[in-house]
C-alpha atoms as a PDB file:
ATOM      1  CA  MET A   1     -11.527   8.859 -26.188  1.00  0.00           C
ATOM      2  CA  ASP A   2      -8.713   6.422 -26.991  1.00  0.00           C
ATOM      3  CA  ARG A   3      -5.766   8.524 -25.865  1.00  0.00           C
ATOM      4  CA  LEU A   4      -4.950  10.736 -22.924  1.00  0.00           C
ATOM      5  CA  ASN A   5      -2.845  13.845 -23.424  1.00  0.00           C
ATOM      6  CA  LEU A   6      -0.172  14.831 -20.940  1.00  0.00           C
ATOM      7  CA  ASN A   7      -2.346  17.518 -19.327  1.00  0.00           C
ATOM      8  CA  LEU A   8      -5.027  14.972 -18.498  1.00  0.00           C
ATOM      9  CA  LEU A   9      -2.430  12.634 -17.040  1.00  0.00           C
ATOM     10  CA  ARG A  10      -1.125  15.444 -14.820  1.00  0.00           C
ATOM     11  CA  THR A  11      -4.690  16.243 -13.743  1.00  0.00           C
ATOM     12  CA  LEU A  12      -5.255  12.601 -12.882  1.00  0.00           C
ATOM     13  CA  ALA A  13      -2.055  12.485 -10.832  1.00  0.00           C
ATOM     14  CA  TYR A  14      -3.065  15.550  -8.785  1.00  0.00           C
ATOM     15  CA  VAL A  15      -6.628  14.330  -8.267  1.00  0.00           C
ATOM     16  CA  LEU A  16      -5.435  10.935  -7.030  1.00  0.00           C
ATOM     17  CA  GLU A  17      -2.810  12.548  -4.818  1.00  0.00           C
ATOM     18  CA  TYR A  18      -5.073  15.103  -3.111  1.00  0.00           C
ATOM     19  CA  ARG A  19      -8.398  13.240  -3.398  1.00  0.00           C
ATOM     20  CA  ASN A  20     -10.008  16.675  -3.510  1.00  0.00           C
ATOM     21  CA  VAL A  21     -11.136  18.404  -6.699  1.00  0.00           C
ATOM     22  CA  SER A  22     -10.856  21.940  -5.299  1.00  0.00           C
ATOM     23  CA  GLN A  23      -7.323  21.438  -3.933  1.00  0.00           C
ATOM     24  CA  ALA A  24      -6.144  19.698  -7.100  1.00  0.00           C
ATOM     25  CA  ALA A  25      -7.521  22.591  -9.187  1.00  0.00           C
ATOM     26  CA  ARG A  26      -5.640  25.136  -7.056  1.00  0.00           C
ATOM     27  CA  GLU A  27      -2.361  23.223  -7.346  1.00  0.00           C
ATOM     28  CA  LEU A  28      -2.750  22.947 -11.123  1.00  0.00           C
ATOM     29  CA  GLY A  29      -3.841  26.581 -11.572  1.00  0.00           C
ATOM     30  CA  LEU A  30      -7.187  25.537 -13.076  1.00  0.00           C
ATOM     31  CA  THR A  31     -10.731  26.539 -12.312  1.00  0.00           C
ATOM     32  CA  GLN A  32     -12.788  23.943 -10.507  1.00  0.00           C
ATOM     33  CA  SER A  33     -15.176  23.665 -13.457  1.00  0.00           C
ATOM     34  CA  THR A  34     -12.276  22.977 -15.842  1.00  0.00           C
ATOM     35  CA  LEU A  35     -10.877  20.285 -13.598  1.00  0.00           C
ATOM     36  CA  SER A  36     -14.337  18.759 -13.167  1.00  0.00           C
ATOM     37  CA  ARG A  37     -14.678  18.493 -16.953  1.00  0.00           C
ATOM     38  CA  GLN A  38     -11.261  16.853 -17.172  1.00  0.00           C
ATOM     39  CA  LEU A  39     -12.166  14.442 -14.388  1.00  0.00           C
ATOM     40  CA  ALA A  40     -15.327  13.517 -16.306  1.00  0.00           C
ATOM     41  CA  GLN A  41     -13.154  12.729 -19.354  1.00  0.00           C
ATOM     42  CA  LEU A  42     -10.854  10.588 -17.222  1.00  0.00           C
ATOM     43  CA  ARG A  43     -13.783   8.684 -15.730  1.00  0.00           C
ATOM     44  CA  THR A  44     -15.090   7.992 -19.227  1.00  0.00           C
ATOM     45  CA  HIS A  45     -11.681   6.865 -20.455  1.00  0.00           C
ATOM     46  CA  PHE A  46     -11.091   4.450 -17.573  1.00  0.00           C
ATOM     47  CA  ASN A  47     -14.768   3.502 -17.268  1.00  0.00           C
ATOM     48  CA  ASP A  48     -14.380   3.978 -13.539  1.00  0.00           C
ATOM     49  CA  PRO A  49     -15.435   6.726 -11.072  1.00  0.00           C
ATOM     50  CA  LEU A  50     -11.832   6.929  -9.726  1.00  0.00           C
ATOM     51  CA  LEU A  51     -13.022   8.970  -6.696  1.00  0.00           C
ATOM     52  CA  VAL A  52     -15.994   8.005  -4.528  1.00  0.00           C
ATOM     53  CA  ARG A  53     -17.448  10.352  -1.925  1.00  0.00           C
ATOM     54  CA  GLN A  54     -17.694   9.045   1.628  1.00  0.00           C
ATOM     55  CA  GLY A  55     -19.008  11.650   4.036  1.00  0.00           C
ATOM     56  CA  ASN A  56     -16.914  14.800   3.612  1.00  0.00           C
ATOM     57  CA  ALA A  57     -14.011  12.975   2.008  1.00  0.00           C
ATOM     58  CA  TYR A  58     -13.260  11.095  -1.195  1.00  0.00           C
ATOM     59  CA  LEU A  59     -11.847   7.575  -1.443  1.00  0.00           C
ATOM     60  CA  LEU A  60      -9.895   6.093  -4.349  1.00  0.00           C
ATOM     61  CA  THR A  61     -11.507   3.187  -6.161  1.00  0.00           C
ATOM     62  CA  ASP A  62      -9.574  -0.075  -6.504  1.00  0.00           C
ATOM     63  CA  ARG A  63      -8.640   0.843 -10.053  1.00  0.00           C
ATOM     64  CA  ALA A  64      -7.463   4.310  -9.017  1.00  0.00           C
ATOM     65  CA  GLN A  65      -5.245   2.773  -6.317  1.00  0.00           C
ATOM     66  CA  LYS A  66      -3.587   0.575  -8.959  1.00  0.00           C
ATOM     67  CA  ILE A  67      -3.208   3.462 -11.418  1.00  0.00           C
ATOM     68  CA  LYS A  68      -1.664   5.901  -8.911  1.00  0.00           C
ATOM     69  CA  PRO A  69       1.865   4.431  -8.478  1.00  0.00           C
ATOM     70  CA  LYS A  70       2.231   3.596 -12.162  1.00  0.00           C
ATOM     71  CA  LEU A  71       1.082   7.070 -13.179  1.00  0.00           C
ATOM     72  CA  LYS A  72       3.602   8.716 -10.859  1.00  0.00           C
ATOM     73  CA  THR A  73       6.370   6.596 -12.364  1.00  0.00           C
ATOM     74  CA  LEU A  74       5.279   7.503 -15.904  1.00  0.00           C
ATOM     75  CA  LEU A  75       5.214  11.246 -15.214  1.00  0.00           C
ATOM     76  CA  ASP A  76       8.611  11.077 -13.501  1.00  0.00           C
ATOM     77  CA  GLN A  77      10.036   9.354 -16.573  1.00  0.00           C
ATOM     78  CA  ILE A  78       8.560  12.025 -18.853  1.00  0.00           C
ATOM     79  CA  GLU A  79      10.121  14.702 -16.642  1.00  0.00           C
ATOM     80  CA  ASP A  80      13.448  12.862 -16.845  1.00  0.00           C
ATOM     81  CA  LEU A  81      13.475  13.271 -20.635  1.00  0.00           C
ATOM     82  CA  LYS A  82      13.886  17.041 -20.204  1.00  0.00           C
ATOM     83  CA  HIS A  83      17.167  16.662 -18.343  1.00  0.00           C
ATOM     84  CA  LEU A  84      18.991  13.568 -19.596  1.00  0.00           C
ATOM     85  CA  GLU A  85      20.389  15.339 -22.685  1.00  0.00           C
ATOM     86  CA  THR A  86      22.632  17.572 -20.574  1.00  0.00           C
ATOM     87  CA  PHE A  87      24.256  14.740 -18.626  1.00  0.00           C
ATOM     88  CA  ASP A  88      27.136  12.641 -19.932  1.00  0.00           C
ATOM     89  CA  PRO A  89      27.543   9.546 -17.704  1.00  0.00           C
ATOM     90  CA  THR A  90      30.923   8.659 -19.216  1.00  0.00           C
ATOM     91  CA  HIS A  91      32.408  11.795 -17.583  1.00  0.00           C
ATOM     92  CA  CYS A  92      30.698  11.456 -14.203  1.00  0.00           C
ATOM     93  CA  HIS A  93      32.905  10.689 -11.189  1.00  0.00           C
ATOM     94  CA  ARG A  94      30.672  10.266  -8.135  1.00  0.00           C
ATOM     95  CA  ARG A  95      29.874   7.774  -5.416  1.00  0.00           C
ATOM     96  CA  PHE A  96      26.250   6.791  -4.741  1.00  0.00           C
ATOM     97  CA  THR A  97      24.782   4.724  -1.914  1.00  0.00           C
ATOM     98  CA  PHE A  98      21.998   2.200  -2.456  1.00  0.00           C
ATOM     99  CA  ALA A  99      20.020   0.382   0.240  1.00  0.00           C
ATOM    100  CA  SER A 100      18.096  -2.856  -0.157  1.00  0.00           C
ATOM    101  CA  THR A 101      18.156  -6.521   0.878  1.00  0.00           C
ATOM    102  CA  ASP A 102      20.982  -8.984   0.367  1.00  0.00           C
ATOM    103  CA  TYR A 103      18.698 -10.645  -2.220  1.00  0.00           C
ATOM    104  CA  VAL A 104      19.055  -7.598  -4.466  1.00  0.00           C
ATOM    105  CA  ALA A 105      22.795  -7.439  -3.784  1.00  0.00           C
ATOM    106  CA  ASN A 106      23.291 -11.112  -4.677  1.00  0.00           C
ATOM    107  CA  PHE A 107      20.971 -11.594  -7.641  1.00  0.00           C
ATOM    108  CA  ILE A 108      20.182  -8.242  -9.260  1.00  0.00           C
ATOM    109  CA  PHE A 109      23.120  -5.888  -8.733  1.00  0.00           C
ATOM    110  CA  PRO A 110      26.029  -7.926 -10.185  1.00  0.00           C
ATOM    111  CA  THR A 111      24.729  -7.585 -13.758  1.00  0.00           C
ATOM    112  CA  LEU A 112      23.895  -3.920 -13.151  1.00  0.00           C
ATOM    113  CA  ILE A 113      27.451  -3.238 -11.958  1.00  0.00           C
ATOM    114  CA  ALA A 114      28.786  -4.932 -15.086  1.00  0.00           C
ATOM    115  CA  GLN A 115      26.645  -2.639 -17.259  1.00  0.00           C
ATOM    116  CA  MET A 116      27.778   0.427 -15.333  1.00  0.00           C
ATOM    117  CA  GLN A 117      31.413  -0.357 -16.124  1.00  0.00           C
ATOM    118  CA  THR A 118      30.579   0.375 -19.757  1.00  0.00           C
ATOM    119  CA  LEU A 119      27.982   3.133 -19.384  1.00  0.00           C
ATOM    120  CA  ALA A 120      29.525   5.120 -16.510  1.00  0.00           C
ATOM    121  CA  PRO A 121      32.953   3.778 -15.483  1.00  0.00           C
ATOM    122  CA  GLY A 122      33.555   6.677 -13.082  1.00  0.00           C
ATOM    123  CA  ILE A 123      30.466   6.038 -10.951  1.00  0.00           C
ATOM    124  CA  ASP A 124      31.027   4.072  -7.734  1.00  0.00           C
ATOM    125  CA  LEU A 125      28.246   2.332  -5.808  1.00  0.00           C
ATOM    126  CA  GLN A 126      28.087   1.467  -2.120  1.00  0.00           C
ATOM    127  CA  PHE A 127      25.469  -1.070  -0.993  1.00  0.00           C
ATOM    128  CA  LYS A 128      23.841  -0.874   2.455  1.00  0.00           C
ATOM    129  CA  THR A 129      21.410  -3.333   4.017  1.00  0.00           C
ATOM    130  CA  TRP A 130      17.950  -1.833   4.136  1.00  0.00           C
ATOM    131  CA  GLN A 131      16.494  -0.934   7.528  1.00  0.00           C
ATOM    132  CA  PRO A 132      12.772  -0.045   7.912  1.00  0.00           C
ATOM    133  CA  GLU A 133      13.589   3.274   9.603  1.00  0.00           C
ATOM    134  CA  PHE A 134      15.344   4.407   6.393  1.00  0.00           C
ATOM    135  CA  LEU A 135      11.913   4.917   4.818  1.00  0.00           C
ATOM    136  CA  HIS A 136      11.368   8.139   6.767  1.00  0.00           C
ATOM    137  CA  ASP A 137      15.027   9.211   6.948  1.00  0.00           C
ATOM    138  CA  LEU A 138      16.124   9.230   3.317  1.00  0.00           C
ATOM    139  CA  GLY A 139      16.534  13.003   3.371  1.00  0.00           C
ATOM    140  CA  SER A 140      19.013  12.934   6.252  1.00  0.00           C
ATOM    141  CA  ALA A 141      20.570   9.476   5.826  1.00  0.00           C
ATOM    142  CA  PRO A 142      23.569   9.123   3.480  1.00  0.00           C
ATOM    143  CA  ILE A 143      21.485   7.051   1.044  1.00  0.00           C
ATOM    144  CA  ASP A 144      20.722   8.059  -2.531  1.00  0.00           C
ATOM    145  CA  PHE A 145      18.332   5.267  -3.495  1.00  0.00           C
ATOM    146  CA  ALA A 146      16.447   2.499  -1.718  1.00  0.00           C
ATOM    147  CA  ALA A 147      14.508  -0.487  -3.016  1.00  0.00           C
ATOM    148  CA  THR A 148      11.855  -1.885  -0.704  1.00  0.00           C
ATOM    149  CA  MET A 149       8.192  -2.748  -0.404  1.00  0.00           C
ATOM    150  CA  THR A 150       5.678  -0.173   0.781  1.00  0.00           C
ATOM    151  CA  HIS A 151       1.949   0.367   0.336  1.00  0.00           C
ATOM    152  CA  GLN A 152       2.318   4.133   0.032  1.00  0.00           C
ATOM    153  CA  VAL A 153       5.245   6.361  -0.908  1.00  0.00           C
ATOM    154  CA  PRO A 154       5.766   8.766   2.031  1.00  0.00           C
ATOM    155  CA  ASP A 155       5.688  12.544   1.644  1.00  0.00           C
ATOM    156  CA  ASN A 156       8.922  14.075   0.270  1.00  0.00           C
ATOM    157  CA  LEU A 157       9.861  10.777  -1.394  1.00  0.00           C
ATOM    158  CA  TYR A 158       9.558   9.835  -5.039  1.00  0.00           C
ATOM    159  CA  GLY A 159       9.401   6.310  -6.356  1.00  0.00           C
ATOM    160  CA  ASP A 160       9.549   4.160  -9.463  1.00  0.00           C
ATOM    161  CA  TYR A 161       7.063   1.300  -9.247  1.00  0.00           C
ATOM    162  CA  LEU A 162       8.829  -2.061  -9.705  1.00  0.00           C
ATOM    163  CA  GLY A 163       5.919  -4.496  -9.507  1.00  0.00           C
ATOM    164  CA  GLU A 164       3.923  -6.514  -7.012  1.00  0.00           C
ATOM    165  CA  ASP A 165       3.349 -10.048  -5.784  1.00  0.00           C
ATOM    166  CA  ASP A 166       2.224 -11.992  -2.715  1.00  0.00           C
ATOM    167  CA  SER A 167       3.974 -14.358  -0.284  1.00  0.00           C
ATOM    168  CA  VAL A 168       4.252 -18.137  -0.118  1.00  0.00           C
ATOM    169  CA  ILE A 169       5.560 -20.737   2.327  1.00  0.00           C
ATOM    170  CA  LEU A 170       8.907 -22.235   1.347  1.00  0.00           C
ATOM    171  CA  CYS A 171      10.033 -25.719   2.446  1.00  0.00           C
ATOM    172  CA  ARG A 172      12.609 -28.316   1.403  1.00  0.00           C
ATOM    173  CA  SER A 173      11.702 -30.739  -1.391  1.00  0.00           C
ATOM    174  CA  GLY A 174      11.623 -33.746   0.955  1.00  0.00           C
ATOM    175  CA  HIS A 175       9.567 -31.990   3.625  1.00  0.00           C
ATOM    176  CA  PRO A 176       6.467 -33.845   4.922  1.00  0.00           C
ATOM    177  CA  MET A 177       4.411 -30.875   3.650  1.00  0.00           C
ATOM    178  CA  ALA A 178       6.135 -30.641   0.249  1.00  0.00           C
ATOM    179  CA  ASP A 179       3.422 -32.517  -1.642  1.00  0.00           C
ATOM    180  CA  ASP A 180       0.505 -31.774   0.659  1.00  0.00           C
ATOM    181  CA  ALA A 181      -2.349 -30.827  -1.657  1.00  0.00           C
ATOM    182  CA  LEU A 182      -4.621 -29.639   1.159  1.00  0.00           C
ATOM    183  CA  GLY A 183      -2.199 -27.123   2.644  1.00  0.00           C
ATOM    184  CA  ASP A 184      -4.019 -26.834   5.964  1.00  0.00           C
ATOM    185  CA  ILE A 185      -2.583 -23.994   8.062  1.00  0.00           C
ATOM    186  CA  ASP A 186      -2.638 -26.085  11.252  1.00  0.00           C
ATOM    187  CA  ARG A 187      -0.421 -28.672   9.600  1.00  0.00           C
ATOM    188  CA  PHE A 188       2.086 -25.986   8.592  1.00  0.00           C
ATOM    189  CA  LEU A 189       2.099 -24.664  12.152  1.00  0.00           C
ATOM    190  CA  GLN A 190       3.311 -28.028  13.432  1.00  0.00           C
ATOM    191  CA  TYR A 191       6.741 -27.078  12.052  1.00  0.00           C
ATOM    192  CA  PRO A 192       9.157 -24.307  13.134  1.00  0.00           C
ATOM    193  CA  PHE A 193       9.744 -21.244  10.966  1.00  0.00           C
ATOM    194  CA  VAL A 194      12.754 -19.215   9.866  1.00  0.00           C
ATOM    195  CA  LYS A 195      12.392 -15.424   9.976  1.00  0.00           C
ATOM    196  CA  ILE A 196      14.420 -12.971   7.896  1.00  0.00           C
ATOM    197  CA  THR A 197      15.104  -9.945  10.098  1.00  0.00           C
ATOM    198  CA  ILE A 198      16.664  -7.439   7.688  1.00  0.00           C
ATOM    199  CA  GLY A 199      15.220  -5.655   4.692  1.00  0.00           C
ATOM    200  CA  GLY A 200      11.840  -4.430   5.861  1.00  0.00           C
ATOM    201  CA  ASP A 201       8.600  -6.026   6.927  1.00  0.00           C
ATOM    202  CA  LYS A 202       8.191  -9.270   4.965  1.00  0.00           C
ATOM    203  CA  ASP A 203       5.968 -11.464   7.126  1.00  0.00           C
ATOM    204  CA  SER A 204       4.325  -9.628  10.032  1.00  0.00           C
ATOM    205  CA  PHE A 205       1.019  -9.924   8.147  1.00  0.00           C
ATOM    206  CA  PHE A 206       1.296 -13.691   8.676  1.00  0.00           C
ATOM    207  CA  ASP A 207       1.544 -13.353  12.455  1.00  0.00           C
ATOM    208  CA  ILE A 208      -1.247 -10.761  12.511  1.00  0.00           C
ATOM    209  CA  GLU A 209      -3.603 -13.106  10.699  1.00  0.00           C
ATOM    210  CA  LEU A 210      -2.581 -16.029  12.899  1.00  0.00           C
ATOM    211  CA  HIS A 211      -3.300 -13.897  15.969  1.00  0.00           C
ATOM    212  CA  ARG A 212      -6.748 -13.075  14.598  1.00  0.00           C
ATOM    213  CA  LEU A 213      -7.375 -16.811  14.293  1.00  0.00           C
ATOM    214  CA  HIS A 214      -5.972 -17.410  17.814  1.00  0.00           C
ATOM    215  CA  LYS A 215      -3.023 -19.305  16.374  1.00  0.00           C
ATOM    216  CA  LYS A 216       0.730 -18.867  16.675  1.00  0.00           C
ATOM    217  CA  ARG A 217       3.870 -20.130  14.971  1.00  0.00           C
ATOM    218  CA  ARG A 218       7.254 -20.956  16.465  1.00  0.00           C
ATOM    219  CA  ILE A 219      10.245 -18.967  15.162  1.00  0.00           C
ATOM    220  CA  ALA A 220      13.175 -21.366  15.518  1.00  0.00           C
ATOM    221  CA  PHE A 221      15.808 -19.387  13.611  1.00  0.00           C
ATOM    222  CA  GLU A 222      16.219 -15.667  12.851  1.00  0.00           C
ATOM    223  CA  VAL A 223      18.765 -14.490  10.316  1.00  0.00           C
ATOM    224  CA  PRO A 224      19.350 -11.237   8.403  1.00  0.00           C
ATOM    225  CA  PHE A 225      20.182 -12.859   5.044  1.00  0.00           C
ATOM    226  CA  TYR A 226      18.073 -14.570   2.391  1.00  0.00           C
ATOM    227  CA  ILE A 227      20.839 -16.922   1.293  1.00  0.00           C
ATOM    228  CA  SER A 228      21.343 -18.247   4.835  1.00  0.00           C
ATOM    229  CA  ALA A 229      17.595 -18.657   5.297  1.00  0.00           C
ATOM    230  CA  PHE A 230      17.307 -20.627   2.045  1.00  0.00           C
ATOM    231  CA  GLU A 231      20.181 -22.926   3.016  1.00  0.00           C
ATOM    232  CA  VAL A 232      18.698 -23.650   6.448  1.00  0.00           C
ATOM    233  CA  VAL A 233      15.248 -24.371   5.009  1.00  0.00           C
ATOM    234  CA  SER A 234      16.749 -26.681   2.363  1.00  0.00           C
ATOM    235  CA  LYS A 235      18.442 -28.786   5.089  1.00  0.00           C
ATOM    236  CA  THR A 236      15.755 -28.868   7.810  1.00  0.00           C
ATOM    237  CA  ASP A 237      12.001 -29.143   8.284  1.00  0.00           C
ATOM    238  CA  PHE A 238      11.850 -25.412   9.001  1.00  0.00           C
ATOM    239  CA  LEU A 239       9.481 -23.267   6.925  1.00  0.00           C
ATOM    240  CA  LEU A 240       9.914 -19.740   5.565  1.00  0.00           C
ATOM    241  CA  VAL A 241       7.360 -17.096   4.551  1.00  0.00           C
ATOM    242  CA  VAL A 242       8.852 -15.204   1.623  1.00  0.00           C
ATOM    243  CA  PRO A 243       7.681 -13.132  -1.394  1.00  0.00           C
ATOM    244  CA  ARG A 244       6.637 -15.342  -4.297  1.00  0.00           C
ATOM    245  CA  HIS A 245       9.116 -14.045  -6.891  1.00  0.00           C
ATOM    246  CA  ILE A 246      11.992 -14.694  -4.480  1.00  0.00           C
ATOM    247  CA  ALA A 247      10.711 -18.171  -3.600  1.00  0.00           C
ATOM    248  CA  LEU A 248      10.382 -19.213  -7.250  1.00  0.00           C
ATOM    249  CA  LYS A 249      13.978 -18.234  -8.019  1.00  0.00           C
ATOM    250  CA  ALA A 250      15.224 -20.010  -4.873  1.00  0.00           C
ATOM    251  CA  CYS A 251      13.453 -23.180  -6.017  1.00  0.00           C
ATOM    252  CA  GLU A 252      15.457 -23.102  -9.259  1.00  0.00           C
ATOM    253  CA  SER A 253      18.822 -23.303  -7.497  1.00  0.00           C
ATOM    254  CA  LEU A 254      18.067 -25.269  -4.305  1.00  0.00           C
ATOM    255  CA  PRO A 255      15.944 -28.344  -3.454  1.00  0.00           C
ATOM    256  CA  LEU A 256      12.992 -26.250  -2.280  1.00  0.00           C
ATOM    257  CA  ARG A 257       9.244 -26.182  -2.845  1.00  0.00           C
ATOM    258  CA  CYS A 258       6.716 -23.394  -2.326  1.00  0.00           C
ATOM    259  CA  HIS A 259       3.093 -23.511  -1.176  1.00  0.00           C
ATOM    260  CA  ASP A 260       0.347 -20.941  -1.319  1.00  0.00           C
ATOM    261  CA  ILE A 261      -0.447 -19.715   2.192  1.00  0.00           C
ATOM    262  CA  PRO A 262      -3.830 -21.134   3.259  1.00  0.00           C
ATOM    263  CA  LEU A 263      -5.085 -17.931   4.883  1.00  0.00           C
ATOM    264  CA  ALA A 264      -7.872 -15.673   3.648  1.00  0.00           C
ATOM    265  CA  ARG A 265      -6.555 -12.187   4.401  1.00  0.00           C
ATOM    266  CA  LEU A 266      -3.250 -11.849   2.603  1.00  0.00           C
ATOM    267  CA  PRO A 267      -1.823  -8.520   1.385  1.00  0.00           C
ATOM    268  CA  ARG A 268      -0.159  -7.809  -1.931  1.00  0.00           C
ATOM    269  CA  HIS A 269       3.432  -6.557  -1.757  1.00  0.00           C
ATOM    270  CA  HIS A 270       4.241  -3.405  -3.762  1.00  0.00           C
ATOM    271  CA  TYR A 271       7.905  -2.772  -4.622  1.00  0.00           C
ATOM    272  CA  TYR A 272       9.493   0.623  -5.288  1.00  0.00           C
ATOM    273  CA  LEU A 273      12.816   2.249  -5.998  1.00  0.00           C
ATOM    274  CA  LEU A 274      12.688   5.310  -3.727  1.00  0.00           C
ATOM    275  CA  TRP A 275      14.629   8.567  -3.399  1.00  0.00           C
ATOM    276  CA  HIS A 276      14.187  11.804  -1.483  1.00  0.00           C
ATOM    277  CA  SER A 277      12.926  14.993  -3.134  1.00  0.00           C
ATOM    278  CA  ILE A 278      16.283  16.713  -2.460  1.00  0.00           C
ATOM    279  CA  HIS A 279      17.728  14.568  -5.286  1.00  0.00           C
ATOM    280  CA  ARG A 280      14.872  15.101  -7.727  1.00  0.00           C
ATOM    281  CA  HIS A 281      16.629  17.553 -10.079  1.00  0.00           C
ATOM    282  CA  ASP A 282      20.180  16.203  -9.746  1.00  0.00           C
ATOM    283  CA  ASN A 283      21.024  15.108 -13.305  1.00  0.00           C
ATOM    284  CA  ALA A 284      23.535  12.424 -12.300  1.00  0.00           C
ATOM    285  CA  HIS A 285      21.145  11.056  -9.694  1.00  0.00           C
ATOM    286  CA  ARG A 286      18.296  11.180 -12.224  1.00  0.00           C
ATOM    287  CA  TRP A 287      20.304   9.254 -14.830  1.00  0.00           C
ATOM    288  CA  LEU A 288      21.471   6.570 -12.410  1.00  0.00           C
ATOM    289  CA  ARG A 289      18.080   5.972 -10.789  1.00  0.00           C
ATOM    290  CA  SER A 290      16.562   5.552 -14.257  1.00  0.00           C
ATOM    291  CA  ARG A 291      19.147   2.879 -15.074  1.00  0.00           C
ATOM    292  CA  ILE A 292      18.613   1.128 -11.726  1.00  0.00           C
ATOM    293  CA  ALA A 293      14.824   1.182 -12.070  1.00  0.00           C
ATOM    294  CA  GLU A 294      14.930  -0.133 -15.629  1.00  0.00           C
ATOM    295  CA  HIS A 295      17.308  -2.909 -14.655  1.00  0.00           C
ATOM    296  CA  MET A 296      15.372  -3.955 -11.564  1.00  0.00           C
ATOM    297  CA  TYR A 297      12.023  -3.820 -13.367  1.00  0.00           C
ATOM    298  CA  SER A 298      13.203  -6.114 -16.159  1.00  0.00           C
ATOM    299  CA  SER A 299      15.395  -8.459 -14.105  1.00  0.00           C
ATOM    300  CA  ILE A 300      14.378 -12.120 -14.058  1.00  0.00           C
ATOM    301  CA  TYR A 301      14.775 -11.907 -10.278  1.00  0.00           C
ATOM    302  CA  SER A 302      12.158  -9.170  -9.893  1.00  0.00           C
ATOM    303  CA  PRO A 303       8.336  -9.433  -9.540  1.00  0.00           C
ATOM    304  CA  GLN A 304       7.929  -8.275 -13.151  1.00  0.00           C
ATOM    305  CA  GLY A 305      10.513 -10.751 -14.376  1.00  0.00           C
ATOM    306  CA  MET A 306       8.462 -13.484 -12.738  1.00  0.00           C
ATOM    307  CA  ALA A 307       5.334 -12.515 -14.714  1.00  0.00           C
END
């Protein structure tokens, strides 16, 4: 089977969401035997079991975990095609609020705003700095869209998957560690660190792993903005833990170098454009979030643009 039809893709999405064949069948209005046959087709297509029983529950395989966010994005985009024809962005006069980091505001949004002047001149955008608590308050907060990293999209939220990467240690070009080929963690810990305090959890994993190893770093400077953090690191011996795609772009404009982090247990960062379910069928919202997601996904300043 070389191709999957839309019904099989929907079945896969429900199975991965509920991790329960019986519940997925009920939600889809299928018999359990029909869904089991479809699941068998999906397993053959992907050459992967997708679900693995553990006790009374099912777990997603590694491949299923990678498929899940991309599949949700694909099905959302297919759903969008049903509604875009009725919306004319050139006649829309609305204000939308977007939340993310100052990195997105500085490097990704200026070109998007320029495009919007042509595509939808009556749409206004307000930018807010992302706060972690927004993740569970998008339904009540005055925010239409948010771009952040998360390992799982919470209930009642929808998301377009924007890519993934890991983190590195950033230092100035003339730093004593700049050309250190060994990259021993104890040597890095001899130097103070900068911590970025706004925009979500970017580096707590680093402190958690250090704690497991009975080690600790010194935070010498905390700042809510990427640009300030980059400038400080470029002029001092301070170090900064930062996502790889952001570090690589910073190195192009400032005298900075990046190192892989010499620790064994490092997470991958998964980036999403998120919105609450209350906006799901709003045509103007649907059109704008599609433009934002497309722009962010393809931007040279995004994880995908880095690839």
